[in-house]
Amino acid sequence: MLTPRCLVVGEALVDVVDGVPHPGGSPMNVAVGLARLGLDTRLLTRIGDDEFGRLLDEHLVREGVALTAASLRVGERTSRATAAIGVDGAAVYDFDIEWTLSESAAIAEAAEADLIHVGSIGASLEPGANAVHAMLRTVSSRALRTYDPNIRPALLGPRAAAVARVEAIMAASHVVKLSDEDADWLYPGRSGDDVLAHVLALGARMAVVTRGGEGCVTAIVGAGEPVTRRASPVTVVDTIGAGDAFMSGLVYGIVSAGLIPELTADVFAPDADVLSALDGAADAALASAAVAVSRTGAAPPRLHELEQSSVL
């Protein structure tokens, strides 16, 4: 398997859980997940030169994620989120975050990438979101673009403008992953199948809605009706980073099957082999999430753990 150059763009922050700081932020978690699965991964983010920034920097070095030079900000503080864990293991966050990004740095980094993942607060919160959108307008048509909006309503501002920003990135992406909460917020009252059809109509080639412990629903252009996939039973410790582990597993499944050329082609007309391989990528995503929720914190699997998962 040829290893593509992966670029992840978005926030890195510290999750404070029960008073203890942990590295976090959806895009950073995805970057760590990709690196743990053996992919060459760079992260373009914003980290201050404070104690929390050093914690994140050390974490990324330890995990094998290359931090771009533009990510380090002298004289700035690192963003943080305070997480409260419910009895069901789900996390609720209170954010203290700033998001700025150099448009020129984003465009330069994207020019060297074969795969670009954007998501969460970094794709929606101004002023940094403007640079993300500008970057996506410049990237090579042969670079795979994946997106997880990971909706945080309290940070999005006016609803109509927020939905428009999300849909603009969906339209520029080949693969879009939503949680069921994301889908409900973006499109209240619409069925899951209708939401998936809408995302494909915007321009995505593959769309996924995750449903927590119930698994996910996938839709692929040219594949007919959406497919419901069940998650394997697992003892949930907490759900921090579960969606991010799903995303990194999905990207890994696509890359390992050699599907970047098919998904980025000018005309996407998948044959049975491509559709089967995309089904396998969805299975890898479910397996990755199952490993993550079985342990504390944002802890996506390493490659040997994914390969050993009973889900595969």
C-alpha atoms as a PDB file:
ATOM      1  CA  MET A   1       0.000   0.000   0.000  1.00  0.00           C
ATOM      2  CA  LEU A   2       1.324   3.412  -0.955  1.00  0.00           C
ATOM      3  CA  THR A   3       1.122   5.771   2.002  1.00  0.00           C
ATOM      4  CA  PRO A   4      -0.489   9.111   1.123  1.00  0.00           C
ATOM      5  CA  ARG A   5       0.601  12.338   2.734  1.00  0.00           C
ATOM      6  CA  CYS A   6      -2.236  13.180   5.130  1.00  0.00           C
ATOM      7  CA  LEU A   7      -2.978  16.680   6.370  1.00  0.00           C
ATOM      8  CA  VAL A   8      -5.458  17.254   9.203  1.00  0.00           C
ATOM      9  CA  VAL A   9      -6.634  20.834   9.753  1.00  0.00           C
ATOM     10  CA  GLY A  10      -8.488  21.982  12.852  1.00  0.00           C
ATOM     11  CA  GLU A  11      -8.392  22.577  16.568  1.00  0.00           C
ATOM     12  CA  ALA A  12      -6.142  20.972  19.143  1.00  0.00           C
ATOM     13  CA  LEU A  13      -7.068  21.614  22.743  1.00  0.00           C
ATOM     14  CA  VAL A  14      -6.863  20.202  26.224  1.00  0.00           C
ATOM     15  CA  ASP A  15      -9.829  18.279  27.623  1.00  0.00           C
ATOM     16  CA  VAL A  16     -10.063  18.800  31.369  1.00  0.00           C
ATOM     17  CA  VAL A  17     -11.836  15.755  32.825  1.00  0.00           C
ATOM     18  CA  ASP A  18     -12.332  15.641  36.595  1.00  0.00           C
ATOM     19  CA  GLY A  19      -9.701  18.358  36.871  1.00  0.00           C
ATOM     20  CA  VAL A  20      -7.084  16.381  34.932  1.00  0.00           C
ATOM     21  CA  PRO A  21      -5.887  17.724  31.521  1.00  0.00           C
ATOM     22  CA  HIS A  22      -5.846  15.366  28.551  1.00  0.00           C
ATOM     23  CA  PRO A  23      -4.891  16.048  24.913  1.00  0.00           C
ATOM     24  CA  GLY A  24      -8.043  16.536  22.845  1.00  0.00           C
ATOM     25  CA  GLY A  25      -9.832  18.256  20.002  1.00  0.00           C
ATOM     26  CA  SER A  26     -11.560  16.287  17.268  1.00  0.00           C
ATOM     27  CA  PRO A  27      -9.087  17.010  14.428  1.00  0.00           C
ATOM     28  CA  MET A  28      -6.106  16.272  16.642  1.00  0.00           C
ATOM     29  CA  ASN A  29      -7.709  13.007  17.733  1.00  0.00           C
ATOM     30  CA  VAL A  30      -8.221  12.075  14.086  1.00  0.00           C
ATOM     31  CA  ALA A  31      -4.578  12.906  13.323  1.00  0.00           C
ATOM     32  CA  VAL A  32      -3.417  10.674  16.186  1.00  0.00           C
ATOM     33  CA  GLY A  33      -5.742   7.910  14.994  1.00  0.00           C
ATOM     34  CA  LEU A  34      -4.313   8.073  11.473  1.00  0.00           C
ATOM     35  CA  ALA A  35      -0.729   8.056  12.757  1.00  0.00           C
ATOM     36  CA  ARG A  36      -1.453   5.077  15.018  1.00  0.00           C
ATOM     37  CA  LEU A  37      -2.719   3.231  11.947  1.00  0.00           C
ATOM     38  CA  GLY A  38       0.545   3.878  10.126  1.00  0.00           C
ATOM     39  CA  LEU A  39      -0.347   6.860   7.930  1.00  0.00           C
ATOM     40  CA  ASP A  40       2.047   9.764   7.336  1.00  0.00           C
ATOM     41  CA  THR A  41       0.174  12.562   9.121  1.00  0.00           C
ATOM     42  CA  ARG A  42       0.691  16.293   9.626  1.00  0.00           C
ATOM     43  CA  LEU A  43      -1.498  18.519  11.783  1.00  0.00           C
ATOM     44  CA  LEU A  44      -2.168  22.191  11.086  1.00  0.00           C
ATOM     45  CA  THR A  45      -3.666  23.702  14.224  1.00  0.00           C
ATOM     46  CA  ARG A  46      -3.126  26.398  16.873  1.00  0.00           C
ATOM     47  CA  ILE A  47      -1.143  25.704  20.056  1.00  0.00           C
ATOM     48  CA  GLY A  48       0.075  28.330  22.520  1.00  0.00           C
ATOM     49  CA  ASP A  49       3.448  28.388  24.272  1.00  0.00           C
ATOM     50  CA  ASP A  50       1.987  27.566  27.687  1.00  0.00           C
ATOM     51  CA  GLU A  51       1.842  24.466  29.880  1.00  0.00           C
ATOM     52  CA  PHE A  52      -1.112  23.025  27.962  1.00  0.00           C
ATOM     53  CA  GLY A  53       0.611  23.727  24.665  1.00  0.00           C
ATOM     54  CA  ARG A  54       3.661  21.785  25.790  1.00  0.00           C
ATOM     55  CA  LEU A  55       1.368  18.923  26.837  1.00  0.00           C
ATOM     56  CA  LEU A  56      -0.120  18.805  23.333  1.00  0.00           C
ATOM     57  CA  ASP A  57       3.259  19.129  21.616  1.00  0.00           C
ATOM     58  CA  GLU A  58       4.702  16.238  23.639  1.00  0.00           C
ATOM     59  CA  HIS A  59       1.609  14.142  22.914  1.00  0.00           C
ATOM     60  CA  LEU A  60       1.922  14.680  19.158  1.00  0.00           C
ATOM     61  CA  VAL A  61       5.624  13.859  19.165  1.00  0.00           C
ATOM     62  CA  ARG A  62       4.937  10.693  21.132  1.00  0.00           C
ATOM     63  CA  GLU A  63       2.188   9.671  18.699  1.00  0.00           C
ATOM     64  CA  GLY A  64       4.213  10.355  15.558  1.00  0.00           C
ATOM     65  CA  VAL A  65       2.118  13.264  14.273  1.00  0.00           C
ATOM     66  CA  ALA A  66       4.141  16.048  12.635  1.00  0.00           C
ATOM     67  CA  LEU A  67       3.034  19.478  13.857  1.00  0.00           C
ATOM     68  CA  THR A  68       3.367  22.197  11.223  1.00  0.00           C
ATOM     69  CA  ALA A  69       5.521  25.197  12.092  1.00  0.00           C
ATOM     70  CA  ALA A  70       2.571  27.559  11.642  1.00  0.00           C
ATOM     71  CA  SER A  71       0.720  25.764  14.430  1.00  0.00           C
ATOM     72  CA  LEU A  72       2.926  27.086  17.250  1.00  0.00           C
ATOM     73  CA  ARG A  73       1.912  30.549  18.504  1.00  0.00           C
ATOM     74  CA  VAL A  74       4.306  32.517  20.693  1.00  0.00           C
ATOM     75  CA  GLY A  75       2.560  34.556  23.365  1.00  0.00           C
ATOM     76  CA  GLU A  76      -0.802  32.829  22.947  1.00  0.00           C
ATOM     77  CA  ARG A  77      -2.694  30.473  25.235  1.00  0.00           C
ATOM     78  CA  THR A  78      -3.864  26.987  24.326  1.00  0.00           C
ATOM     79  CA  SER A  79      -7.593  26.328  24.023  1.00  0.00           C
ATOM     80  CA  ARG A  80      -9.317  23.996  26.447  1.00  0.00           C
ATOM     81  CA  ALA A  81     -12.608  22.178  26.997  1.00  0.00           C
ATOM     82  CA  THR A  82     -13.964  21.036  30.358  1.00  0.00           C
ATOM     83  CA  ALA A  83     -15.693  17.674  29.991  1.00  0.00           C
ATOM     84  CA  ALA A  84     -18.363  16.247  32.286  1.00  0.00           C
ATOM     85  CA  ILE A  85     -18.978  12.506  31.922  1.00  0.00           C
ATOM     86  CA  GLY A  86     -22.571  11.303  32.368  1.00  0.00           C
ATOM     87  CA  VAL A  87     -23.724   7.975  33.784  1.00  0.00           C
ATOM     88  CA  ASP A  88     -23.990   6.635  30.226  1.00  0.00           C
ATOM     89  CA  GLY A  89     -20.338   7.458  29.533  1.00  0.00           C
ATOM     90  CA  ALA A  90     -21.170  10.356  27.230  1.00  0.00           C
ATOM     91  CA  ALA A  91     -19.204  13.585  27.505  1.00  0.00           C
ATOM     92  CA  VAL A  92     -20.620  17.128  27.663  1.00  0.00           C
ATOM     93  CA  TYR A  93     -18.171  19.990  27.009  1.00  0.00           C
ATOM     94  CA  ASP A  94     -17.751  23.600  28.101  1.00  0.00           C
ATOM     95  CA  PHE A  95     -15.359  25.300  25.666  1.00  0.00           C
ATOM     96  CA  ASP A  96     -12.782  28.050  26.157  1.00  0.00           C
ATOM     97  CA  ILE A  97     -11.369  28.273  22.656  1.00  0.00           C
ATOM     98  CA  GLU A  98      -9.829  30.666  20.171  1.00  0.00           C
ATOM     99  CA  TRP A  99      -9.301  29.661  16.552  1.00  0.00           C
ATOM    100  CA  THR A 100      -7.102  31.606  14.162  1.00  0.00           C
ATOM    101  CA  LEU A 101      -5.262  30.202  11.171  1.00  0.00           C
ATOM    102  CA  SER A 102      -2.932  31.553   8.514  1.00  0.00           C
ATOM    103  CA  GLU A 103      -4.612  31.284   5.115  1.00  0.00           C
ATOM    104  CA  SER A 104      -1.259  31.194   3.306  1.00  0.00           C
ATOM    105  CA  ALA A 105       0.044  28.441   5.599  1.00  0.00           C
ATOM    106  CA  ALA A 106      -3.102  26.381   5.091  1.00  0.00           C
ATOM    107  CA  ILE A 107      -2.902  26.682   1.305  1.00  0.00           C
ATOM    108  CA  ALA A 108       0.819  25.835   1.270  1.00  0.00           C
ATOM    109  CA  GLU A 109       0.363  22.756   3.464  1.00  0.00           C
ATOM    110  CA  ALA A 110      -2.616  21.522   1.440  1.00  0.00           C
ATOM    111  CA  ALA A 111      -0.628  21.751  -1.781  1.00  0.00           C
ATOM    112  CA  GLU A 112       1.672  18.987  -0.501  1.00  0.00           C
ATOM    113  CA  ALA A 113      -1.086  16.650   0.704  1.00  0.00           C
ATOM    114  CA  ASP A 114      -2.747  13.662  -0.952  1.00  0.00           C
ATOM    115  CA  LEU A 115      -5.483  13.491   1.690  1.00  0.00           C
ATOM    116  CA  ILE A 116      -6.957  16.385   3.667  1.00  0.00           C
ATOM    117  CA  HIS A 117      -9.255  16.005   6.645  1.00  0.00           C
ATOM    118  CA  VAL A 118     -11.019  19.022   8.140  1.00  0.00           C
ATOM    119  CA  GLY A 119     -13.516  19.169  10.909  1.00  0.00           C
ATOM    120  CA  SER A 120     -15.233  20.322  13.996  1.00  0.00           C
ATOM    121  CA  ILE A 121     -14.700  23.766  15.476  1.00  0.00           C
ATOM    122  CA  GLY A 122     -11.791  24.516  13.153  1.00  0.00           C
ATOM    123  CA  ALA A 123     -14.057  24.364  10.106  1.00  0.00           C
ATOM    124  CA  SER A 124     -16.790  26.535  11.618  1.00  0.00           C
ATOM    125  CA  LEU A 125     -15.399  29.070  14.101  1.00  0.00           C
ATOM    126  CA  GLU A 126     -14.252  32.405  12.715  1.00  0.00           C
ATOM    127  CA  PRO A 127     -11.784  33.785  11.935  1.00  0.00           C
ATOM    128  CA  GLY A 128      -9.858  30.538  11.354  1.00  0.00           C
ATOM    129  CA  ALA A 129     -12.706  28.928   9.430  1.00  0.00           C
ATOM    130  CA  ASN A 130     -12.182  31.482   6.649  1.00  0.00           C
ATOM    131  CA  ALA A 131      -8.690  30.086   6.059  1.00  0.00           C
ATOM    132  CA  VAL A 132     -10.028  26.515   5.990  1.00  0.00           C
ATOM    133  CA  HIS A 133     -12.584  27.453   3.348  1.00  0.00           C
ATOM    134  CA  ALA A 134      -9.949  29.303   1.297  1.00  0.00           C
ATOM    135  CA  MET A 135      -7.670  26.261   1.493  1.00  0.00           C
ATOM    136  CA  LEU A 136     -10.377  23.931   0.221  1.00  0.00           C
ATOM    137  CA  ARG A 137     -10.932  26.179  -2.783  1.00  0.00           C
ATOM    138  CA  THR A 138      -7.298  25.720  -3.835  1.00  0.00           C
ATOM    139  CA  VAL A 139      -6.538  22.045  -3.267  1.00  0.00           C
ATOM    140  CA  SER A 140      -5.732  19.623  -6.039  1.00  0.00           C
ATOM    141  CA  SER A 141      -8.728  17.813  -7.495  1.00  0.00           C
ATOM    142  CA  ARG A 142      -6.841  14.558  -6.879  1.00  0.00           C
ATOM    143  CA  ALA A 143      -6.499  15.116  -3.130  1.00  0.00           C
ATOM    144  CA  LEU A 144      -9.069  13.179  -1.116  1.00  0.00           C
ATOM    145  CA  ARG A 145     -11.067  15.491   1.142  1.00  0.00           C
ATOM    146  CA  THR A 146     -12.880  14.192   4.219  1.00  0.00           C
ATOM    147  CA  TYR A 147     -15.041  16.113   6.677  1.00  0.00           C
ATOM    148  CA  ASP A 148     -16.590  15.628  10.112  1.00  0.00           C
ATOM    149  CA  PRO A 149     -18.550  18.729  11.224  1.00  0.00           C
ATOM    150  CA  ASN A 150     -18.824  17.505  14.849  1.00  0.00           C
ATOM    151  CA  ILE A 151     -21.411  20.205  15.536  1.00  0.00           C
ATOM    152  CA  ARG A 152     -20.961  22.365  18.656  1.00  0.00           C
ATOM    153  CA  PRO A 153     -24.046  24.644  18.561  1.00  0.00           C
ATOM    154  CA  ALA A 154     -22.838  27.019  21.281  1.00  0.00           C
ATOM    155  CA  LEU A 155     -19.843  27.998  19.137  1.00  0.00           C
ATOM    156  CA  LEU A 156     -21.501  28.340  15.739  1.00  0.00           C
ATOM    157  CA  GLY A 157     -23.296  31.688  15.878  1.00  0.00           C
ATOM    158  CA  PRO A 158     -26.463  32.327  13.817  1.00  0.00           C
ATOM    159  CA  ARG A 159     -27.973  29.049  12.664  1.00  0.00           C
ATOM    160  CA  ALA A 160     -28.527  29.855   8.977  1.00  0.00           C
ATOM    161  CA  ALA A 161     -24.968  31.019   8.481  1.00  0.00           C
ATOM    162  CA  ALA A 162     -23.611  28.004  10.371  1.00  0.00           C
ATOM    163  CA  VAL A 163     -25.548  25.537   8.221  1.00  0.00           C
ATOM    164  CA  ALA A 164     -24.352  27.326   5.086  1.00  0.00           C
ATOM    165  CA  ARG A 165     -20.713  27.022   6.215  1.00  0.00           C
ATOM    166  CA  VAL A 166     -21.135  23.319   6.948  1.00  0.00           C
ATOM    167  CA  GLU A 167     -22.810  22.654   3.604  1.00  0.00           C
ATOM    168  CA  ALA A 168     -20.085  24.531   1.722  1.00  0.00           C
ATOM    169  CA  ILE A 169     -17.498  22.118   3.130  1.00  0.00           C
ATOM    170  CA  MET A 170     -19.735  19.116   2.489  1.00  0.00           C
ATOM    171  CA  ALA A 171     -19.930  20.210  -1.130  1.00  0.00           C
ATOM    172  CA  ALA A 172     -16.120  20.352  -1.310  1.00  0.00           C
ATOM    173  CA  SER A 173     -15.619  16.938   0.334  1.00  0.00           C
ATOM    174  CA  HIS A 174     -15.569  13.405  -1.040  1.00  0.00           C
ATOM    175  CA  VAL A 175     -16.414  11.718   2.280  1.00  0.00           C
ATOM    176  CA  VAL A 176     -18.651  13.230   4.976  1.00  0.00           C
ATOM    177  CA  LYS A 177     -19.284  11.725   8.411  1.00  0.00           C
ATOM    178  CA  LEU A 178     -22.078  13.020  10.655  1.00  0.00           C
ATOM    179  CA  SER A 179     -23.192  11.830  14.055  1.00  0.00           C
ATOM    180  CA  ASP A 180     -26.930  11.413  14.519  1.00  0.00           C
ATOM    181  CA  GLU A 181     -26.780  14.508  16.777  1.00  0.00           C
ATOM    182  CA  ASP A 182     -25.111  16.472  13.958  1.00  0.00           C
ATOM    183  CA  ALA A 183     -27.791  15.359  11.506  1.00  0.00           C
ATOM    184  CA  ASP A 184     -30.601  16.281  13.904  1.00  0.00           C
ATOM    185  CA  TRP A 185     -29.181  19.755  14.491  1.00  0.00           C
ATOM    186  CA  LEU A 186     -28.478  20.488  10.826  1.00  0.00           C
ATOM    187  CA  TYR A 187     -31.716  19.021   9.489  1.00  0.00           C
ATOM    188  CA  PRO A 188     -34.319  18.782  12.272  1.00  0.00           C
ATOM    189  CA  GLY A 189     -37.249  16.526  11.487  1.00  0.00           C
ATOM    190  CA  ARG A 190     -35.655  14.897   8.447  1.00  0.00           C
ATOM    191  CA  SER A 191     -35.071  11.154   8.320  1.00  0.00           C
ATOM    192  CA  GLY A 192     -31.565   9.727   8.329  1.00  0.00           C
ATOM    193  CA  ASP A 193     -31.953   8.450   4.766  1.00  0.00           C
ATOM    194  CA  ASP A 194     -33.102  11.898   3.643  1.00  0.00           C
ATOM    195  CA  VAL A 195     -30.104  13.533   5.306  1.00  0.00           C
ATOM    196  CA  LEU A 196     -27.704  11.098   3.616  1.00  0.00           C
ATOM    197  CA  ALA A 197     -29.336  11.714   0.232  1.00  0.00           C
ATOM    198  CA  HIS A 198     -29.004  15.462   0.771  1.00  0.00           C
ATOM    199  CA  VAL A 199     -25.295  15.205   1.614  1.00  0.00           C
ATOM    200  CA  LEU A 200     -24.673  13.155  -1.545  1.00  0.00           C
ATOM    201  CA  ALA A 201     -26.657  15.676  -3.573  1.00  0.00           C
ATOM    202  CA  LEU A 202     -24.369  18.439  -2.289  1.00  0.00           C
ATOM    203  CA  GLY A 203     -21.403  16.614  -3.840  1.00  0.00           C
ATOM    204  CA  ALA A 204     -20.030  13.969  -1.480  1.00  0.00           C
ATOM    205  CA  ARG A 205     -19.357  10.501  -2.885  1.00  0.00           C
ATOM    206  CA  MET A 206     -19.788   8.726   0.459  1.00  0.00           C
ATOM    207  CA  ALA A 207     -21.840   9.886   3.453  1.00  0.00           C
ATOM    208  CA  VAL A 208     -22.128   8.265   6.866  1.00  0.00           C
ATOM    209  CA  VAL A 209     -24.341   8.922   9.877  1.00  0.00           C
ATOM    210  CA  THR A 210     -23.097   7.303  13.074  1.00  0.00           C
ATOM    211  CA  ARG A 211     -25.619   6.142  15.680  1.00  0.00           C
ATOM    212  CA  GLY A 212     -23.530   5.463  18.771  1.00  0.00           C
ATOM    213  CA  GLY A 213     -23.901   1.926  20.047  1.00  0.00           C
ATOM    214  CA  GLU A 214     -26.346   1.114  17.267  1.00  0.00           C
ATOM    215  CA  GLY A 215     -23.688   1.404  14.557  1.00  0.00           C
ATOM    216  CA  CYS A 216     -23.987   3.582  11.463  1.00  0.00           C
ATOM    217  CA  VAL A 217     -25.810   4.112   8.187  1.00  0.00           C
ATOM    218  CA  THR A 218     -23.808   4.554   4.986  1.00  0.00           C
ATOM    219  CA  ALA A 219     -24.785   5.918   1.594  1.00  0.00           C
ATOM    220  CA  ILE A 220     -22.632   5.836  -1.525  1.00  0.00           C
ATOM    221  CA  VAL A 221     -23.292   7.399  -4.904  1.00  0.00           C
ATOM    222  CA  GLY A 222     -24.362   4.657  -7.285  1.00  0.00           C
ATOM    223  CA  ALA A 223     -24.980   2.070  -4.548  1.00  0.00           C
ATOM    224  CA  GLY A 224     -28.752   2.311  -4.210  1.00  0.00           C
ATOM    225  CA  GLU A 225     -30.399   2.471  -0.782  1.00  0.00           C
ATOM    226  CA  PRO A 226     -28.440   3.377   2.389  1.00  0.00           C
ATOM    227  CA  VAL A 227     -27.082   0.445   4.382  1.00  0.00           C
ATOM    228  CA  THR A 228     -27.439   0.066   8.155  1.00  0.00           C
ATOM    229  CA  ARG A 229     -24.408  -1.453   9.868  1.00  0.00           C
ATOM    230  CA  ARG A 230     -24.542  -2.759  13.402  1.00  0.00           C
ATOM    231  CA  ALA A 231     -21.833  -2.113  15.972  1.00  0.00           C
ATOM    232  CA  SER A 232     -20.474  -5.111  17.834  1.00  0.00           C
ATOM    233  CA  PRO A 233     -21.402  -5.276  21.540  1.00  0.00           C
ATOM    234  CA  VAL A 234     -18.757  -3.664  23.708  1.00  0.00           C
ATOM    235  CA  THR A 235     -18.502  -2.510  27.312  1.00  0.00           C
ATOM    236  CA  VAL A 236     -18.428   1.285  27.119  1.00  0.00           C
ATOM    237  CA  VAL A 237     -15.987   3.037  29.448  1.00  0.00           C
ATOM    238  CA  ASP A 238     -16.595   6.475  27.933  1.00  0.00           C
ATOM    239  CA  THR A 239     -17.325   7.907  24.491  1.00  0.00           C
ATOM    240  CA  ILE A 240     -14.637  10.605  24.398  1.00  0.00           C
ATOM    241  CA  GLY A 241     -13.076  10.478  20.937  1.00  0.00           C
ATOM    242  CA  ALA A 242     -15.367   7.710  19.671  1.00  0.00           C
ATOM    243  CA  GLY A 243     -16.462   9.650  16.598  1.00  0.00           C
ATOM    244  CA  ASP A 244     -12.869  10.636  15.890  1.00  0.00           C
ATOM    245  CA  ALA A 245     -11.744   7.002  16.093  1.00  0.00           C
ATOM    246  CA  PHE A 246     -14.559   6.121  13.692  1.00  0.00           C
ATOM    247  CA  MET A 247     -13.313   8.820  11.314  1.00  0.00           C
ATOM    248  CA  SER A 248      -9.675   7.726  11.409  1.00  0.00           C
ATOM    249  CA  GLY A 249     -10.734   4.105  10.925  1.00  0.00           C
ATOM    250  CA  LEU A 250     -12.862   5.076   7.935  1.00  0.00           C
ATOM    251  CA  VAL A 251     -10.023   7.032   6.328  1.00  0.00           C
ATOM    252  CA  TYR A 252      -7.607   4.173   6.971  1.00  0.00           C
ATOM    253  CA  GLY A 253     -10.036   1.715   5.397  1.00  0.00           C
ATOM    254  CA  ILE A 254     -10.305   3.889   2.287  1.00  0.00           C
ATOM    255  CA  VAL A 255      -6.556   4.341   2.001  1.00  0.00           C
ATOM    256  CA  SER A 256      -5.665   0.706   2.661  1.00  0.00           C
ATOM    257  CA  ALA A 257      -8.081  -0.363  -0.072  1.00  0.00           C
ATOM    258  CA  GLY A 258      -6.413   2.012  -2.546  1.00  0.00           C
ATOM    259  CA  LEU A 259      -9.623   3.969  -3.138  1.00  0.00           C
ATOM    260  CA  ILE A 260      -8.311   7.536  -3.352  1.00  0.00           C
ATOM    261  CA  PRO A 261      -8.170   7.547  -7.184  1.00  0.00           C
ATOM    262  CA  GLU A 262     -11.714   6.216  -7.443  1.00  0.00           C
ATOM    263  CA  LEU A 263     -13.187   8.664  -4.938  1.00  0.00           C
ATOM    264  CA  THR A 264     -11.450  11.697  -6.450  1.00  0.00           C
ATOM    265  CA  ALA A 265     -12.087  10.867 -10.111  1.00  0.00           C
ATOM    266  CA  ASP A 266     -13.919  13.492 -12.163  1.00  0.00           C
ATOM    267  CA  VAL A 267     -16.726  10.976 -12.617  1.00  0.00           C
ATOM    268  CA  PHE A 268     -17.508   8.630  -9.750  1.00  0.00           C
ATOM    269  CA  ALA A 269     -19.094   5.440 -11.081  1.00  0.00           C
ATOM    270  CA  PRO A 270     -18.151   2.710  -8.592  1.00  0.00           C
ATOM    271  CA  ASP A 271     -18.200  -0.902  -9.670  1.00  0.00           C
ATOM    272  CA  ALA A 272     -18.955  -3.835  -7.376  1.00  0.00           C
ATOM    273  CA  ASP A 273     -15.346  -4.098  -6.208  1.00  0.00           C
ATOM    274  CA  VAL A 274     -15.183  -0.418  -5.200  1.00  0.00           C
ATOM    275  CA  LEU A 275     -18.508  -0.616  -3.387  1.00  0.00           C
ATOM    276  CA  SER A 276     -17.350  -3.726  -1.536  1.00  0.00           C
ATOM    277  CA  ALA A 277     -14.117  -1.991  -0.529  1.00  0.00           C
ATOM    278  CA  LEU A 278     -16.047   1.029   0.775  1.00  0.00           C
ATOM    279  CA  ASP A 279     -18.210  -1.356   2.793  1.00  0.00           C
ATOM    280  CA  GLY A 280     -14.982  -2.721   4.266  1.00  0.00           C
ATOM    281  CA  ALA A 281     -13.859   0.801   5.149  1.00  0.00           C
ATOM    282  CA  ALA A 282     -17.102   1.335   7.071  1.00  0.00           C
ATOM    283  CA  ASP A 283     -16.483  -1.920   8.947  1.00  0.00           C
ATOM    284  CA  ALA A 284     -12.981  -0.715   9.837  1.00  0.00           C
ATOM    285  CA  ALA A 285     -14.496   2.530  11.152  1.00  0.00           C
ATOM    286  CA  LEU A 286     -16.904   0.653  13.402  1.00  0.00           C
ATOM    287  CA  ALA A 287     -14.092  -1.553  14.658  1.00  0.00           C
ATOM    288  CA  SER A 288     -11.941   1.481  15.432  1.00  0.00           C
ATOM    289  CA  ALA A 289     -14.731   3.163  17.395  1.00  0.00           C
ATOM    290  CA  ALA A 290     -15.432  -0.044  19.333  1.00  0.00           C
ATOM    291  CA  VAL A 291     -11.832  -0.182  20.527  1.00  0.00           C
ATOM    292  CA  ALA A 292     -11.892   3.502  21.503  1.00  0.00           C
ATOM    293  CA  VAL A 293     -15.030   3.340  23.656  1.00  0.00           C
ATOM    294  CA  SER A 294     -13.724   0.304  25.534  1.00  0.00           C
ATOM    295  CA  ARG A 295     -11.088   2.411  27.291  1.00  0.00           C
ATOM    296  CA  THR A 296     -10.736   5.781  28.959  1.00  0.00           C
ATOM    297  CA  GLY A 297     -10.323   9.006  27.009  1.00  0.00           C
ATOM    298  CA  ALA A 298      -9.586   9.621  23.346  1.00  0.00           C
ATOM    299  CA  ALA A 299      -7.655   6.425  22.647  1.00  0.00           C
ATOM    300  CA  PRO A 300      -7.980   5.255  19.030  1.00  0.00           C
ATOM    301  CA  PRO A 301      -6.565   1.849  18.153  1.00  0.00           C
ATOM    302  CA  ARG A 302      -3.129   1.060  16.822  1.00  0.00           C
ATOM    303  CA  LEU A 303      -2.960  -1.004  13.664  1.00  0.00           C
ATOM    304  CA  HIS A 304      -2.469  -4.349  15.401  1.00  0.00           C
ATOM    305  CA  GLU A 305      -5.477  -3.644  17.636  1.00  0.00           C
ATOM    306  CA  LEU A 306      -7.642  -2.835  14.650  1.00  0.00           C
ATOM    307  CA  GLU A 307      -6.497  -5.952  12.832  1.00  0.00           C
ATOM    308  CA  GLN A 308      -7.240  -8.083  15.893  1.00  0.00           C
ATOM    309  CA  SER A 309     -10.685  -6.578  16.452  1.00  0.00           C
ATOM    310  CA  SER A 310     -13.507  -9.105  16.308  1.00  0.00           C
ATOM    311  CA  VAL A 311     -15.480  -6.616  14.241  1.00  0.00           C
ATOM    312  CA  LEU A 312     -13.258  -7.172  11.209  1.00  0.00           C
END
